[in-house]
Amino acid sequence: MIIYQNKERYEVQTKFTYGWENVWRDENGNLEYFKTKKQAMKNLKDNVDDWNNDPNTTEKYSYDDYRVIYTNKNNNTWIVFKTFN
């Protein structure tokens, strides 16, 4: 997993009934941030595809439930990217 601690960064957000939130965490419990949009999109795609291709999965993830945003550490959002649709 890639954690990028600089001021500007990309993050993957998950859609909830109350709105969007970054809940992606690394093995140490820290929120994940990415240096580039390409890294964030690849991580999102790999996660969704791995889950959906698991033979034990009973429910599928949808790309519509995720997005990548460009933000800073003060949670100011500048650009929201539609994911894969």
Protein backbone atom coordinates (compact mmCIF):
# COMPACT_ATOMS: atom_id res chain seq x y z
CA MET A 1 0.00 0.00 0.00
CA ILE A 2 1.14 3.52 -0.75
CA ILE A 3 0.90 6.26 1.84
CA TYR A 4 1.73 9.75 0.68
CA GLN A 5 2.13 12.24 3.53
CA ASN A 6 2.71 15.36 1.43
CA LYS A 7 0.18 18.21 1.51
CA GLU A 8 -1.55 17.48 -1.82
CA ARG A 9 -2.62 13.93 -2.51
CA TYR A 10 -5.22 11.61 -4.00
CA GLU A 11 -7.55 9.41 -2.01
CA VAL A 12 -10.12 6.73 -2.74
CA GLN A 13 -13.50 7.42 -1.16
CA THR A 14 -16.37 5.04 -0.51
CA LYS A 15 -20.01 6.07 -0.90
CA PHE A 16 -22.20 5.75 2.20
CA THR A 17 -25.80 6.81 2.82
CA TYR A 18 -24.49 9.99 4.51
CA GLY A 19 -21.97 10.87 1.79
CA TRP A 20 -18.42 10.06 0.71
CA GLU A 21 -15.56 9.14 3.04
CA ASN A 22 -12.02 7.80 2.84
CA VAL A 23 -12.08 4.59 4.88
CA TRP A 24 -9.22 2.82 3.08
CA ARG A 25 -6.58 1.86 5.62
CA ASP A 26 -3.21 0.17 5.44
CA GLU A 27 -2.05 -2.76 7.57
CA ASN A 28 -1.13 -0.32 10.38
CA GLY A 29 -4.58 1.30 10.47
CA ASN A 30 -3.50 4.56 8.80
CA LEU A 31 -5.66 6.15 6.10
CA GLU A 32 -4.23 5.58 2.62
CA TYR A 33 -3.25 8.42 0.30
CA PHE A 34 -1.62 8.25 -3.12
CA LYS A 35 0.89 10.48 -4.88
CA THR A 36 -0.79 10.21 -8.29
CA LYS A 37 -4.27 9.71 -9.68
CA LYS A 38 -2.97 6.69 -11.59
CA GLN A 39 -1.83 4.99 -8.36
CA ALA A 40 -5.17 5.65 -6.66
CA MET A 41 -7.19 4.39 -9.65
CA LYS A 42 -5.05 1.26 -9.93
CA ASN A 43 -5.46 0.49 -6.22
CA LEU A 44 -9.22 0.96 -6.49
CA LYS A 45 -9.49 -1.20 -9.60
CA ASP A 46 -7.31 -3.96 -8.12
CA ASN A 47 -9.35 -4.01 -4.91
CA VAL A 48 -12.73 -4.19 -6.65
CA ASP A 49 -11.55 -6.74 -9.23
CA ASP A 50 -9.90 -8.96 -6.60
CA TRP A 51 -13.10 -8.97 -4.53
CA ASN A 52 -15.39 -9.61 -7.50
CA ASN A 53 -13.18 -12.41 -8.87
CA ASP A 54 -12.97 -14.26 -5.55
CA PRO A 55 -14.98 -17.50 -5.92
CA ASN A 56 -16.19 -17.17 -2.31
CA THR A 57 -17.72 -13.72 -2.89
CA THR A 58 -21.50 -13.71 -2.54
CA GLU A 59 -21.98 -9.99 -3.26
CA LYS A 60 -20.15 -7.92 -5.84
CA TYR A 61 -18.54 -4.49 -5.44
CA SER A 62 -19.55 -1.76 -7.87
CA TYR A 63 -17.24 0.93 -9.20
CA ASP A 64 -20.12 3.37 -8.69
CA ASP A 65 -19.58 3.06 -4.92
CA TYR A 66 -16.08 4.57 -5.13
CA ARG A 67 -14.39 7.69 -6.40
CA VAL A 68 -10.92 9.23 -6.45
CA ILE A 69 -10.44 12.82 -5.31
CA TYR A 70 -7.54 15.25 -5.27
CA THR A 71 -7.29 16.90 -1.88
CA ASN A 72 -4.93 18.25 0.78
CA LYS A 73 -4.36 17.31 4.40
CA ASN A 74 -6.93 19.90 5.51
CA ASN A 75 -9.59 17.96 3.54
CA ASN A 76 -10.09 20.69 0.96
CA THR A 77 -11.31 18.90 -2.18
CA TRP A 78 -10.24 20.40 -5.49
CA ILE A 79 -11.12 17.78 -8.08
CA VAL A 80 -13.45 14.79 -7.98
CA PHE A 81 -12.84 12.10 -10.58
CA LYS A 82 -15.57 9.81 -11.80
CA THR A 83 -14.04 6.38 -11.62
CA PHE A 84 -14.56 3.85 -14.40
CA ASN A 85 -17.98 4.58 -15.91
